[in-house]
Amino acid sequence: MLLITKRRWIGALFRHNVSAVSKMTTIKSARQVIDALNAEGSDIDIILTEVDLSMTKGMKLLKYIMRNNELRRIPVIMMSAQDEVSIVVKCLRLGAADYLVKPLRTNELLNLWTHMWRRRREG
């Protein structure tokens, strides 16, 4: 799992509640994102990123991932406190697998993680 966020509590939430996450890389800078995608791309099962990250520009990151033939197979889940329909639709049209509105709920994260992880493993 590649988690792109400035907020440590999101990573802690996953580490504490999702036993299926054997390896989670938490990224905080744009350079780390590109390095992690290049180095770990084939091992990443799911990407969880924020739409409104000032450092990575979530939409640009989503476009970058979807343009890359190797990376586009990884489900990308966008998250944001913004619940405007236009933003959600834009993310989904750009290729996001799902969109979560913060505050995140533990059961919602667990269900989504389980679904995406199974889909990735079966596909």
PDB file of N, CA and C in Angstrom:
ATOM      1  N   MET A   1       0.847  -1.178   0.000  1.00  0.00           N
ATOM      2  CA  MET A   1       0.000   0.000   0.000  1.00  0.00           C
ATOM      3  C   MET A   1       0.886   1.232   0.000  1.00  0.00           C
ATOM      4  N   LEU A   2       0.537   2.184  -0.828  1.00  0.00           N
ATOM      5  CA  LEU A   2       1.223   3.467  -0.855  1.00  0.00           C
ATOM      6  C   LEU A   2       0.240   4.503  -0.330  1.00  0.00           C
ATOM      7  N   LEU A   3       0.566   5.122   0.781  1.00  0.00           N
ATOM      8  CA  LEU A   3      -0.281   6.120   1.415  1.00  0.00           C
ATOM      9  C   LEU A   3       0.382   7.475   1.240  1.00  0.00           C
ATOM     10  N   ILE A   4      -0.327   8.411   0.615  1.00  0.00           N
ATOM     11  CA  ILE A   4       0.229   9.737   0.357  1.00  0.00           C
ATOM     12  C   ILE A   4      -0.587  10.748   1.149  1.00  0.00           C
ATOM     13  N   THR A   5      -0.006  11.205   2.249  1.00  0.00           N
ATOM     14  CA  THR A   5      -0.726  12.109   3.141  1.00  0.00           C
ATOM     15  C   THR A   5       0.250  12.870   4.028  1.00  0.00           C
ATOM     16  N   LYS A   6      -0.187  14.003   4.521  1.00  0.00           N
ATOM     17  CA  LYS A   6       0.585  14.763   5.488  1.00  0.00           C
ATOM     18  C   LYS A   6       0.169  14.385   6.912  1.00  0.00           C
ATOM     19  N   ARG A   7      -0.899  13.630   7.017  1.00  0.00           N
ATOM     20  CA  ARG A   7      -1.478  13.346   8.330  1.00  0.00           C
ATOM     21  C   ARG A   7      -1.099  11.956   8.835  1.00  0.00           C
ATOM     22  N   ARG A   8      -0.323  11.910   9.888  1.00  0.00           N
ATOM     23  CA  ARG A   8       0.162  10.638  10.435  1.00  0.00           C
ATOM     24  C   ARG A   8      -0.955   9.738  10.930  1.00  0.00           C
ATOM     25  N   TRP A   9      -2.055  10.309  11.410  1.00  0.00           N
ATOM     26  CA  TRP A   9      -3.110   9.500  12.004  1.00  0.00           C
ATOM     27  C   TRP A   9      -3.752   8.561  10.989  1.00  0.00           C
ATOM     28  N   ILE A  10      -3.732   8.913   9.707  1.00  0.00           N
ATOM     29  CA  ILE A  10      -4.324   8.036   8.690  1.00  0.00           C
ATOM     30  C   ILE A  10      -3.490   6.761   8.564  1.00  0.00           C
ATOM     31  N   GLY A  11      -2.189   6.908   8.534  1.00  0.00           N
ATOM     32  CA  GLY A  11      -1.313   5.740   8.499  1.00  0.00           C
ATOM     33  C   GLY A  11      -1.475   4.892   9.745  1.00  0.00           C
ATOM     34  N   ALA A  12      -1.566   5.551  10.892  1.00  0.00           N
ATOM     35  CA  ALA A  12      -1.742   4.822  12.152  1.00  0.00           C
ATOM     36  C   ALA A  12      -3.062   4.064  12.159  1.00  0.00           C
ATOM     37  N   LEU A  13      -4.088   4.659  11.600  1.00  0.00           N
ATOM     38  CA  LEU A  13      -5.399   4.007  11.524  1.00  0.00           C
ATOM     39  C   LEU A  13      -5.305   2.705  10.735  1.00  0.00           C
ATOM     40  N   PHE A  14      -4.622   2.742   9.596  1.00  0.00           N
ATOM     41  CA  PHE A  14      -4.454   1.526   8.796  1.00  0.00           C
ATOM     42  C   PHE A  14      -3.589   0.502   9.517  1.00  0.00           C
ATOM     43  N   ARG A  15      -2.481   0.936  10.043  1.00  0.00           N
ATOM     44  CA  ARG A  15      -1.584  -0.008  10.725  1.00  0.00           C
ATOM     45  C   ARG A  15      -2.288  -0.709  11.876  1.00  0.00           C
ATOM     46  N   HIS A  16      -3.137   0.010  12.562  1.00  0.00           N
ATOM     47  CA  HIS A  16      -3.819  -0.529  13.736  1.00  0.00           C
ATOM     48  C   HIS A  16      -4.993  -1.433  13.369  1.00  0.00           C
ATOM     49  N   ASN A  17      -5.678  -1.151  12.264  1.00  0.00           N
ATOM     50  CA  ASN A  17      -6.934  -1.837  11.963  1.00  0.00           C
ATOM     51  C   ASN A  17      -6.917  -2.810  10.793  1.00  0.00           C
ATOM     52  N   VAL A  18      -5.929  -2.746   9.937  1.00  0.00           N
ATOM     53  CA  VAL A  18      -5.937  -3.588   8.740  1.00  0.00           C
ATOM     54  C   VAL A  18      -4.763  -4.555   8.799  1.00  0.00           C
ATOM     55  N   SER A  19      -5.045  -5.766   9.225  1.00  0.00           N
ATOM     56  CA  SER A  19      -3.978  -6.763   9.362  1.00  0.00           C
ATOM     57  C   SER A  19      -3.442  -7.225   8.011  1.00  0.00           C
ATOM     58  N   ALA A  20      -4.216  -7.058   6.946  1.00  0.00           N
ATOM     59  CA  ALA A  20      -3.794  -7.494   5.608  1.00  0.00           C
ATOM     60  C   ALA A  20      -2.710  -6.589   5.014  1.00  0.00           C
ATOM     61  N   VAL A  21      -2.502  -5.430   5.614  1.00  0.00           N
ATOM     62  CA  VAL A  21      -1.474  -4.524   5.110  1.00  0.00           C
ATOM     63  C   VAL A  21      -0.133  -4.988   5.654  1.00  0.00           C
ATOM     64  N   SER A  22       0.591  -5.736   4.837  1.00  0.00           N
ATOM     65  CA  SER A  22       1.879  -6.252   5.290  1.00  0.00           C
ATOM     66  C   SER A  22       2.969  -5.192   5.160  1.00  0.00           C
ATOM     67  N   LYS A  23       2.851  -4.329   4.162  1.00  0.00           N
ATOM     68  CA  LYS A  23       3.827  -3.256   3.987  1.00  0.00           C
ATOM     69  C   LYS A  23       3.097  -1.996   3.565  1.00  0.00           C
ATOM     70  N   MET A  24       3.329  -0.928   4.296  1.00  0.00           N
ATOM     71  CA  MET A  24       2.718   0.341   3.954  1.00  0.00           C
ATOM     72  C   MET A  24       3.816   1.388   3.901  1.00  0.00           C
ATOM     73  N   THR A  25       3.889   2.082   2.778  1.00  0.00           N
ATOM     74  CA  THR A  25       4.841   3.165   2.611  1.00  0.00           C
ATOM     75  C   THR A  25       4.064   4.468   2.725  1.00  0.00           C
ATOM     76  N   THR A  26       4.440   5.289   3.692  1.00  0.00           N
ATOM     77  CA  THR A  26       3.788   6.580   3.871  1.00  0.00           C
ATOM     78  C   THR A  26       4.687   7.654   3.278  1.00  0.00           C
ATOM     79  N   ILE A  27       4.116   8.456   2.403  1.00  0.00           N
ATOM     80  CA  ILE A  27       4.859   9.463   1.656  1.00  0.00           C
ATOM     81  C   ILE A  27       4.387  10.861   2.059  1.00  0.00           C
ATOM     82  N   LYS A  28       5.341  11.776   2.140  1.00  0.00           N
ATOM     83  CA  LYS A  28       4.992  13.147   2.508  1.00  0.00           C
ATOM     84  C   LYS A  28       5.480  14.189   1.515  1.00  0.00           C
ATOM     85  N   SER A  29       6.327  13.802   0.545  1.00  0.00           N
ATOM     86  CA  SER A  29       6.840  14.793  -0.399  1.00  0.00           C
ATOM     87  C   SER A  29       6.691  14.296  -1.834  1.00  0.00           C
ATOM     88  N   ALA A  30       6.641  15.219  -2.760  1.00  0.00           N
ATOM     89  CA  ALA A  30       6.461  14.894  -4.180  1.00  0.00           C
ATOM     90  C   ALA A  30       7.601  14.013  -4.692  1.00  0.00           C
ATOM     91  N   ARG A  31       8.804  14.292  -4.284  1.00  0.00           N
ATOM     92  CA  ARG A  31       9.955  13.501  -4.733  1.00  0.00           C
ATOM     93  C   ARG A  31       9.833  12.054  -4.263  1.00  0.00           C
ATOM     94  N   GLN A  32       9.390  11.878  -3.035  1.00  0.00           N
ATOM     95  CA  GLN A  32       9.206  10.533  -2.493  1.00  0.00           C
ATOM     96  C   GLN A  32       8.130   9.768  -3.254  1.00  0.00           C
ATOM     97  N   VAL A  33       7.106  10.462  -3.712  1.00  0.00           N
ATOM     98  CA  VAL A  33       6.029   9.808  -4.456  1.00  0.00           C
ATOM     99  C   VAL A  33       6.587   9.178  -5.726  1.00  0.00           C
ATOM    100  N   ILE A  34       7.310   9.964  -6.505  1.00  0.00           N
ATOM    101  CA  ILE A  34       7.870   9.469  -7.769  1.00  0.00           C
ATOM    102  C   ILE A  34       8.873   8.348  -7.496  1.00  0.00           C
ATOM    103  N   ASP A  35       9.725   8.533  -6.500  1.00  0.00           N
ATOM    104  CA  ASP A  35      10.703   7.497  -6.155  1.00  0.00           C
ATOM    105  C   ASP A  35      10.016   6.194  -5.758  1.00  0.00           C
ATOM    106  N   ALA A  36       8.983   6.298  -4.934  1.00  0.00           N
ATOM    107  CA  ALA A  36       8.271   5.102  -4.477  1.00  0.00           C
ATOM    108  C   ALA A  36       7.547   4.422  -5.631  1.00  0.00           C
ATOM    109  N   LEU A  37       6.920   5.189  -6.504  1.00  0.00           N
ATOM    110  CA  LEU A  37       6.223   4.597  -7.651  1.00  0.00           C
ATOM    111  C   LEU A  37       7.204   3.888  -8.581  1.00  0.00           C
ATOM    112  N   ASN A  38       8.358   4.501  -8.802  1.00  0.00           N
ATOM    113  CA  ASN A  38       9.364   3.886  -9.670  1.00  0.00           C
ATOM    114  C   ASN A  38       9.992   2.652  -9.035  1.00  0.00           C
ATOM    115  N   ALA A  39      10.251   2.704  -7.745  1.00  0.00           N
ATOM    116  CA  ALA A  39      10.937   1.602  -7.067  1.00  0.00           C
ATOM    117  C   ALA A  39       9.999   0.461  -6.681  1.00  0.00           C
ATOM    118  N   GLU A  40       8.800   0.796  -6.265  1.00  0.00           N
ATOM    119  CA  GLU A  40       7.904  -0.210  -5.697  1.00  0.00           C
ATOM    120  C   GLU A  40       6.654  -0.451  -6.526  1.00  0.00           C
ATOM    121  N   GLY A  41       6.544   0.157  -7.685  1.00  0.00           N
ATOM    122  CA  GLY A  41       5.319   0.089  -8.482  1.00  0.00           C
ATOM    123  C   GLY A  41       4.729  -1.296  -8.621  1.00  0.00           C
ATOM    124  N   SER A  42       5.546  -2.290  -8.912  1.00  0.00           N
ATOM    125  CA  SER A  42       5.022  -3.638  -9.125  1.00  0.00           C
ATOM    126  C   SER A  42       4.561  -4.294  -7.830  1.00  0.00           C
ATOM    127  N   ASP A  43       4.993  -3.775  -6.683  1.00  0.00           N
ATOM    128  CA  ASP A  43       4.616  -4.354  -5.395  1.00  0.00           C
ATOM    129  C   ASP A  43       3.482  -3.612  -4.696  1.00  0.00           C
ATOM    130  N   ILE A  44       3.037  -2.521  -5.271  1.00  0.00           N
ATOM    131  CA  ILE A  44       1.982  -1.718  -4.643  1.00  0.00           C
ATOM    132  C   ILE A  44       0.621  -2.291  -5.025  1.00  0.00           C
ATOM    133  N   ASP A  45      -0.180  -2.632  -4.017  1.00  0.00           N
ATOM    134  CA  ASP A  45      -1.517  -3.176  -4.252  1.00  0.00           C
ATOM    135  C   ASP A  45      -2.576  -2.092  -4.364  1.00  0.00           C
ATOM    136  N   ILE A  46      -2.358  -0.986  -3.683  1.00  0.00           N
ATOM    137  CA  ILE A  46      -3.372   0.062  -3.642  1.00  0.00           C
ATOM    138  C   ILE A  46      -2.693   1.384  -3.277  1.00  0.00           C
ATOM    139  N   ILE A  47      -3.211   2.474  -3.818  1.00  0.00           N
ATOM    140  CA  ILE A  47      -2.694   3.807  -3.493  1.00  0.00           C
ATOM    141  C   ILE A  47      -3.837   4.604  -2.877  1.00  0.00           C
ATOM    142  N   LEU A  48      -3.584   5.167  -1.713  1.00  0.00           N
ATOM    143  CA  LEU A  48      -4.549   6.029  -1.041  1.00  0.00           C
ATOM    144  C   LEU A  48      -3.906   7.402  -0.951  1.00  0.00           C
ATOM    145  N   THR A  49      -4.514   8.389  -1.597  1.00  0.00           N
ATOM    146  CA  THR A  49      -3.915   9.727  -1.627  1.00  0.00           C
ATOM    147  C   THR A  49      -4.969  10.807  -1.432  1.00  0.00           C
ATOM    148  N   GLU A  50      -4.510  11.941  -1.003  1.00  0.00           N
ATOM    149  CA  GLU A  50      -5.404  13.077  -0.805  1.00  0.00           C
ATOM    150  C   GLU A  50      -5.505  13.893  -2.087  1.00  0.00           C
ATOM    151  N   VAL A  51      -6.665  14.432  -2.336  1.00  0.00           N
ATOM    152  CA  VAL A  51      -6.898  15.284  -3.509  1.00  0.00           C
ATOM    153  C   VAL A  51      -6.188  16.613  -3.325  1.00  0.00           C
ATOM    154  N   ASP A  52      -6.267  17.152  -2.135  1.00  0.00           N
ATOM    155  CA  ASP A  52      -5.808  18.518  -1.896  1.00  0.00           C
ATOM    156  C   ASP A  52      -4.436  18.615  -1.246  1.00  0.00           C
ATOM    157  N   LEU A  53      -3.536  17.724  -1.620  1.00  0.00           N
ATOM    158  CA  LEU A  53      -2.170  17.828  -1.124  1.00  0.00           C
ATOM    159  C   LEU A  53      -1.454  18.970  -1.834  1.00  0.00           C
ATOM    160  N   SER A  54      -0.912  19.896  -1.074  1.00  0.00           N
ATOM    161  CA  SER A  54      -0.200  21.004  -1.704  1.00  0.00           C
ATOM    162  C   SER A  54       1.107  20.528  -2.327  1.00  0.00           C
ATOM    163  N   MET A  55       1.685  19.468  -1.766  1.00  0.00           N
ATOM    164  CA  MET A  55       2.994  19.057  -2.254  1.00  0.00           C
ATOM    165  C   MET A  55       2.921  18.177  -3.491  1.00  0.00           C
ATOM    166  N   THR A  56       1.861  17.435  -3.683  1.00  0.00           N
ATOM    167  CA  THR A  56       1.823  16.518  -4.823  1.00  0.00           C
ATOM    168  C   THR A  56       0.715  16.828  -5.807  1.00  0.00           C
ATOM    169  N   LYS A  57      -0.181  17.706  -5.434  1.00  0.00           N
ATOM    170  CA  LYS A  57      -1.305  18.008  -6.318  1.00  0.00           C
ATOM    171  C   LYS A  57      -1.981  16.706  -6.733  1.00  0.00           C
ATOM    172  N   GLY A  58      -2.877  16.251  -5.892  1.00  0.00           N
ATOM    173  CA  GLY A  58      -3.520  14.959  -6.060  1.00  0.00           C
ATOM    174  C   GLY A  58      -4.037  14.643  -7.453  1.00  0.00           C
ATOM    175  N   MET A  59      -4.640  15.613  -8.128  1.00  0.00           N
ATOM    176  CA  MET A  59      -5.157  15.381  -9.482  1.00  0.00           C
ATOM    177  C   MET A  59      -4.022  15.104 -10.466  1.00  0.00           C
ATOM    178  N   LYS A  60      -2.935  15.863 -10.351  1.00  0.00           N
ATOM    179  CA  LYS A  60      -1.790  15.649 -11.244  1.00  0.00           C
ATOM    180  C   LYS A  60      -1.178  14.271 -11.001  1.00  0.00           C
ATOM    181  N   LEU A  61      -1.117  13.883  -9.753  1.00  0.00           N
ATOM    182  CA  LEU A  61      -0.594  12.560  -9.416  1.00  0.00           C
ATOM    183  C   LEU A  61      -1.471  11.459 -10.023  1.00  0.00           C
ATOM    184  N   LEU A  62      -2.772  11.623  -9.912  1.00  0.00           N
ATOM    185  CA  LEU A  62      -3.700  10.646 -10.491  1.00  0.00           C
ATOM    186  C   LEU A  62      -3.507  10.550 -12.003  1.00  0.00           C
ATOM    187  N   LYS A  63      -3.369  11.687 -12.671  1.00  0.00           N
ATOM    188  CA  LYS A  63      -3.124  11.689 -14.117  1.00  0.00           C
ATOM    189  C   LYS A  63      -1.816  10.980 -14.458  1.00  0.00           C
ATOM    190  N   TYR A  64      -0.781  11.244 -13.682  1.00  0.00           N
ATOM    191  CA  TYR A  64       0.525  10.614 -13.906  1.00  0.00           C
ATOM    192  C   TYR A  64       0.403   9.096 -13.802  1.00  0.00           C
ATOM    193  N   ILE A  65      -0.268   8.633 -12.789  1.00  0.00           N
ATOM    194  CA  ILE A  65      -0.430   7.194 -12.576  1.00  0.00           C
ATOM    195  C   ILE A  65      -1.231   6.571 -13.715  1.00  0.00           C
ATOM    196  N   MET A  66      -2.303   7.211 -14.121  1.00  0.00           N
ATOM    197  CA  MET A  66      -3.172   6.643 -15.156  1.00  0.00           C
ATOM    198  C   MET A  66      -2.521   6.659 -16.549  1.00  0.00           C
ATOM    199  N   ARG A  67      -1.544   7.526 -16.766  1.00  0.00           N
ATOM    200  CA  ARG A  67      -0.838   7.565 -18.054  1.00  0.00           C
ATOM    201  C   ARG A  67       0.236   6.487 -18.161  1.00  0.00           C
ATOM    202  N   ASN A  68       0.651   5.942 -17.026  1.00  0.00           N
ATOM    203  CA  ASN A  68       1.719   4.947 -17.001  1.00  0.00           C
ATOM    204  C   ASN A  68       1.109   3.543 -17.077  1.00  0.00           C
ATOM    205  N   ASN A  69       1.458   2.791 -18.117  1.00  0.00           N
ATOM    206  CA  ASN A  69       0.865   1.472 -18.330  1.00  0.00           C
ATOM    207  C   ASN A  69       1.086   0.502 -17.177  1.00  0.00           C
ATOM    208  N   GLU A  70       2.215   0.585 -16.515  1.00  0.00           N
ATOM    209  CA  GLU A  70       2.490  -0.314 -15.394  1.00  0.00           C
ATOM    210  C   GLU A  70       1.771   0.118 -14.119  1.00  0.00           C
ATOM    211  N   LEU A  71       1.677   1.410 -13.893  1.00  0.00           N
ATOM    212  CA  LEU A  71       1.074   1.915 -12.659  1.00  0.00           C
ATOM    213  C   LEU A  71      -0.447   1.943 -12.704  1.00  0.00           C
ATOM    214  N   ARG A  72      -1.026   2.088 -13.881  1.00  0.00           N
ATOM    215  CA  ARG A  72      -2.482   2.259 -13.985  1.00  0.00           C
ATOM    216  C   ARG A  72      -3.264   1.047 -13.493  1.00  0.00           C
ATOM    217  N   ARG A  73      -2.606  -0.097 -13.319  1.00  0.00           N
ATOM    218  CA  ARG A  73      -3.271  -1.294 -12.808  1.00  0.00           C
ATOM    219  C   ARG A  73      -3.525  -1.215 -11.301  1.00  0.00           C
ATOM    220  N   ILE A  74      -2.871  -0.252 -10.637  1.00  0.00           N
ATOM    221  CA  ILE A  74      -3.011  -0.094  -9.184  1.00  0.00           C
ATOM    222  C   ILE A  74      -4.248   0.752  -8.885  1.00  0.00           C
ATOM    223  N   PRO A  75      -5.180   0.238  -8.083  1.00  0.00           N
ATOM    224  CA  PRO A  75      -6.339   1.058  -7.714  1.00  0.00           C
ATOM    225  C   PRO A  75      -5.900   2.283  -6.909  1.00  0.00           C
ATOM    226  N   VAL A  76      -6.396   3.441  -7.302  1.00  0.00           N
ATOM    227  CA  VAL A  76      -6.080   4.683  -6.606  1.00  0.00           C
ATOM    228  C   VAL A  76      -7.358   5.184  -5.942  1.00  0.00           C
ATOM    229  N   ILE A  77      -7.288   5.369  -4.642  1.00  0.00           N
ATOM    230  CA  ILE A  77      -8.420   5.899  -3.888  1.00  0.00           C
ATOM    231  C   ILE A  77      -8.066   7.322  -3.475  1.00  0.00           C
ATOM    232  N   MET A  78      -8.897   8.249  -3.885  1.00  0.00           N
ATOM    233  CA  MET A  78      -8.683   9.650  -3.548  1.00  0.00           C
ATOM    234  C   MET A  78      -9.489   9.963  -2.286  1.00  0.00           C
ATOM    235  N   MET A  79      -8.958  10.855  -1.449  1.00  0.00           N
ATOM    236  CA  MET A  79      -9.695  11.267  -0.255  1.00  0.00           C
ATOM    237  C   MET A  79      -9.551  12.765  -0.062  1.00  0.00           C
ATOM    238  N   SER A  80     -10.612  13.354   0.491  1.00  0.00           N
ATOM    239  CA  SER A  80     -10.615  14.791   0.704  1.00  0.00           C
ATOM    240  C   SER A  80     -11.756  15.175   1.632  1.00  0.00           C
ATOM    241  N   ALA A  81     -11.623  16.317   2.257  1.00  0.00           N
ATOM    242  CA  ALA A  81     -12.724  16.866   3.043  1.00  0.00           C
ATOM    243  C   ALA A  81     -13.748  17.515   2.123  1.00  0.00           C
ATOM    244  N   GLN A  82     -13.380  17.724   0.866  1.00  0.00           N
ATOM    245  CA  GLN A  82     -14.282  18.333  -0.108  1.00  0.00           C
ATOM    246  C   GLN A  82     -15.263  17.276  -0.620  1.00  0.00           C
ATOM    247  N   ASP A  83     -16.531  17.542  -0.473  1.00  0.00           N
ATOM    248  CA  ASP A  83     -17.524  16.574  -0.947  1.00  0.00           C
ATOM    249  C   ASP A  83     -18.335  17.124  -2.125  1.00  0.00           C
ATOM    250  N   GLU A  84     -17.735  18.039  -2.870  1.00  0.00           N
ATOM    251  CA  GLU A  84     -18.405  18.601  -4.034  1.00  0.00           C
ATOM    252  C   GLU A  84     -18.493  17.551  -5.136  1.00  0.00           C
ATOM    253  N   VAL A  85     -19.652  17.408  -5.709  1.00  0.00           N
ATOM    254  CA  VAL A  85     -19.884  16.393  -6.734  1.00  0.00           C
ATOM    255  C   VAL A  85     -18.916  16.558  -7.898  1.00  0.00           C
ATOM    256  N   SER A  86     -18.625  17.777  -8.297  1.00  0.00           N
ATOM    257  CA  SER A  86     -17.743  17.999  -9.444  1.00  0.00           C
ATOM    258  C   SER A  86     -16.335  17.446  -9.197  1.00  0.00           C
ATOM    259  N   ILE A  87     -15.844  17.563  -7.978  1.00  0.00           N
ATOM    260  CA  ILE A  87     -14.516  17.045  -7.657  1.00  0.00           C
ATOM    261  C   ILE A  87     -14.526  15.517  -7.657  1.00  0.00           C
ATOM    262  N   VAL A  88     -15.554  14.942  -7.063  1.00  0.00           N
ATOM    263  CA  VAL A  88     -15.677  13.485  -7.032  1.00  0.00           C
ATOM    264  C   VAL A  88     -15.742  12.936  -8.452  1.00  0.00           C
ATOM    265  N   VAL A  89     -16.586  13.525  -9.283  1.00  0.00           N
ATOM    266  CA  VAL A  89     -16.745  13.069 -10.667  1.00  0.00           C
ATOM    267  C   VAL A  89     -15.432  13.222 -11.435  1.00  0.00           C
ATOM    268  N   LYS A  90     -14.737  14.330 -11.237  1.00  0.00           N
ATOM    269  CA  LYS A  90     -13.462  14.540 -11.937  1.00  0.00           C
ATOM    270  C   LYS A  90     -12.461  13.451 -11.566  1.00  0.00           C
ATOM    271  N   CYS A  91     -12.349  13.133 -10.294  1.00  0.00           N
ATOM    272  CA  CYS A  91     -11.422  12.081  -9.856  1.00  0.00           C
ATOM    273  C   CYS A  91     -11.790  10.739 -10.477  1.00  0.00           C
ATOM    274  N   LEU A  92     -13.057  10.407 -10.468  1.00  0.00           N
ATOM    275  CA  LEU A  92     -13.490   9.126 -11.032  1.00  0.00           C
ATOM    276  C   LEU A  92     -13.262   9.089 -12.541  1.00  0.00           C
ATOM    277  N   ARG A  93     -13.515  10.194 -13.224  1.00  0.00           N
ATOM    278  CA  ARG A  93     -13.266  10.250 -14.671  1.00  0.00           C
ATOM    279  C   ARG A  93     -11.788  10.136 -15.008  1.00  0.00           C
ATOM    280  N   LEU A  94     -10.940  10.638 -14.123  1.00  0.00           N
ATOM    281  CA  LEU A  94      -9.493  10.551 -14.341  1.00  0.00           C
ATOM    282  C   LEU A  94      -8.946   9.158 -14.038  1.00  0.00           C
ATOM    283  N   GLY A  95      -9.786   8.303 -13.447  1.00  0.00           N
ATOM    284  CA  GLY A  95      -9.363   6.923 -13.223  1.00  0.00           C
ATOM    285  C   GLY A  95      -9.321   6.454 -11.788  1.00  0.00           C
ATOM    286  N   ALA A  96      -9.705   7.295 -10.840  1.00  0.00           N
ATOM    287  CA  ALA A  96      -9.715   6.857  -9.443  1.00  0.00           C
ATOM    288  C   ALA A  96     -10.687   5.691  -9.262  1.00  0.00           C
ATOM    289  N   ALA A  97     -10.294   4.740  -8.440  1.00  0.00           N
ATOM    290  CA  ALA A  97     -11.150   3.590  -8.157  1.00  0.00           C
ATOM    291  C   ALA A  97     -12.280   3.977  -7.213  1.00  0.00           C
ATOM    292  N   ASP A  98     -12.022   4.953  -6.357  1.00  0.00           N
ATOM    293  CA  ASP A  98     -13.037   5.404  -5.411  1.00  0.00           C
ATOM    294  C   ASP A  98     -12.636   6.754  -4.848  1.00  0.00           C
ATOM    295  N   TYR A  99     -13.552   7.347  -4.095  1.00  0.00           N
ATOM    296  CA  TYR A  99     -13.339   8.669  -3.500  1.00  0.00           C
ATOM    297  C   TYR A  99     -13.923   8.629  -2.093  1.00  0.00           C
ATOM    298  N   LEU A 100     -13.108   8.962  -1.101  1.00  0.00           N
ATOM    299  CA  LEU A 100     -13.564   8.986   0.283  1.00  0.00           C
ATOM    300  C   LEU A 100     -13.648  10.418   0.776  1.00  0.00           C
ATOM    301  N   VAL A 101     -14.735  10.725   1.482  1.00  0.00           N
ATOM    302  CA  VAL A 101     -14.905  12.047   2.069  1.00  0.00           C
ATOM    303  C   VAL A 101     -14.496  11.965   3.530  1.00  0.00           C
ATOM    304  N   LYS A 102     -13.605  12.870   3.935  1.00  0.00           N
ATOM    305  CA  LYS A 102     -13.171  12.920   5.328  1.00  0.00           C
ATOM    306  C   LYS A 102     -14.205  13.687   6.149  1.00  0.00           C
ATOM    307  N   PRO A 103     -14.378  13.371   7.402  1.00  0.00           N
ATOM    308  CA  PRO A 103     -13.522  12.479   8.178  1.00  0.00           C
ATOM    309  C   PRO A 103     -13.746  11.016   7.791  1.00  0.00           C
ATOM    310  N   LEU A 104     -12.644  10.281   7.742  1.00  0.00           N
ATOM    311  CA  LEU A 104     -12.697   8.877   7.380  1.00  0.00           C
ATOM    312  C   LEU A 104     -13.229   8.048   8.540  1.00  0.00           C
ATOM    313  N   ARG A 105     -14.029   7.060   8.208  1.00  0.00           N
ATOM    314  CA  ARG A 105     -14.546   6.152   9.219  1.00  0.00           C
ATOM    315  C   ARG A 105     -13.791   4.832   9.110  1.00  0.00           C
ATOM    316  N   THR A 106     -13.439   4.271  10.226  1.00  0.00           N
ATOM    317  CA  THR A 106     -12.642   3.050  10.258  1.00  0.00           C
ATOM    318  C   THR A 106     -13.285   1.934   9.457  1.00  0.00           C
ATOM    319  N   ASN A 107     -14.582   1.693   9.673  1.00  0.00           N
ATOM    320  CA  ASN A 107     -15.238   0.591   8.953  1.00  0.00           C
ATOM    321  C   ASN A 107     -15.285   0.838   7.448  1.00  0.00           C
ATOM    322  N   GLU A 108     -15.410   2.080   7.036  1.00  0.00           N
ATOM    323  CA  GLU A 108     -15.413   2.419   5.608  1.00  0.00           C
ATOM    324  C   GLU A 108     -14.037   2.107   4.995  1.00  0.00           C
ATOM    325  N   LEU A 109     -12.978   2.478   5.683  1.00  0.00           N
ATOM    326  CA  LEU A 109     -11.625   2.195   5.208  1.00  0.00           C
ATOM    327  C   LEU A 109     -11.374   0.693   5.135  1.00  0.00           C
ATOM    328  N   LEU A 110     -11.782  -0.022   6.151  1.00  0.00           N
ATOM    329  CA  LEU A 110     -11.567  -1.466   6.179  1.00  0.00           C
ATOM    330  C   LEU A 110     -12.316  -2.168   5.053  1.00  0.00           C
ATOM    331  N   ASN A 111     -13.565  -1.805   4.839  1.00  0.00           N
ATOM    332  CA  ASN A 111     -14.352  -2.408   3.764  1.00  0.00           C
ATOM    333  C   ASN A 111     -13.757  -2.091   2.397  1.00  0.00           C
ATOM    334  N   LEU A 112     -13.380  -0.854   2.197  1.00  0.00           N
ATOM    335  CA  LEU A 112     -12.809  -0.459   0.915  1.00  0.00           C
ATOM    336  C   LEU A 112     -11.472  -1.159   0.681  1.00  0.00           C
ATOM    337  N   TRP A 113     -10.635  -1.185   1.695  1.00  0.00           N
ATOM    338  CA  TRP A 113      -9.342  -1.865   1.570  1.00  0.00           C
ATOM    339  C   TRP A 113      -9.554  -3.325   1.209  1.00  0.00           C
ATOM    340  N   THR A 114     -10.444  -4.002   1.904  1.00  0.00           N
ATOM    341  CA  THR A 114     -10.694  -5.428   1.652  1.00  0.00           C
ATOM    342  C   THR A 114     -11.170  -5.644   0.223  1.00  0.00           C
ATOM    343  N   HIS A 115     -12.101  -4.833  -0.230  1.00  0.00           N
ATOM    344  CA  HIS A 115     -12.635  -4.956  -1.590  1.00  0.00           C
ATOM    345  C   HIS A 115     -11.530  -4.739  -2.630  1.00  0.00           C
ATOM    346  N   MET A 116     -10.765  -3.688  -2.482  1.00  0.00           N
ATOM    347  CA  MET A 116      -9.721  -3.376  -3.454  1.00  0.00           C
ATOM    348  C   MET A 116      -8.614  -4.425  -3.441  1.00  0.00           C
ATOM    349  N   TRP A 117      -8.249  -4.866  -2.259  1.00  0.00           N
ATOM    350  CA  TRP A 117      -7.190  -5.868  -2.138  1.00  0.00           C
ATOM    351  C   TRP A 117      -7.621  -7.175  -2.804  1.00  0.00           C
ATOM    352  N   ARG A 118      -8.850  -7.611  -2.569  1.00  0.00           N
ATOM    353  CA  ARG A 118      -9.353  -8.824  -3.211  1.00  0.00           C
ATOM    354  C   ARG A 118      -9.411  -8.659  -4.723  1.00  0.00           C
ATOM    355  N   ARG A 119      -9.923  -7.533  -5.181  1.00  0.00           N
ATOM    356  CA  ARG A 119     -10.024  -7.275  -6.609  1.00  0.00           C
ATOM    357  C   ARG A 119      -8.651  -7.305  -7.272  1.00  0.00           C
ATOM    358  N   ARG A 120      -7.696  -6.726  -6.626  1.00  0.00           N
ATOM    359  CA  ARG A 120      -6.324  -6.689  -7.162  1.00  0.00           C
ATOM    360  C   ARG A 120      -5.728  -8.096  -7.208  1.00  0.00           C
ATOM    361  N   ARG A 121      -5.946  -8.884  -6.175  1.00  0.00           N
ATOM    362  CA  ARG A 121      -5.396 -10.233  -6.099  1.00  0.00           C
ATOM    363  C   ARG A 121      -6.064 -11.182  -7.094  1.00  0.00           C
ATOM    364  N   GLU A 122      -7.358 -10.976  -7.343  1.00  0.00           N
ATOM    365  CA  GLU A 122      -8.099 -11.849  -8.262  1.00  0.00           C
ATOM    366  C   GLU A 122      -7.876 -11.464  -9.718  1.00  0.00           C
ATOM    367  N   GLY A 123      -7.607 -10.192  -9.962  1.00  0.00           N
ATOM    368  CA  GLY A 123      -7.482  -9.689 -11.325  1.00  0.00           C
ATOM    369  C   GLY A 123      -6.132  -9.834 -11.860  1.00  0.00           C
TER     370      GLY A 123
END
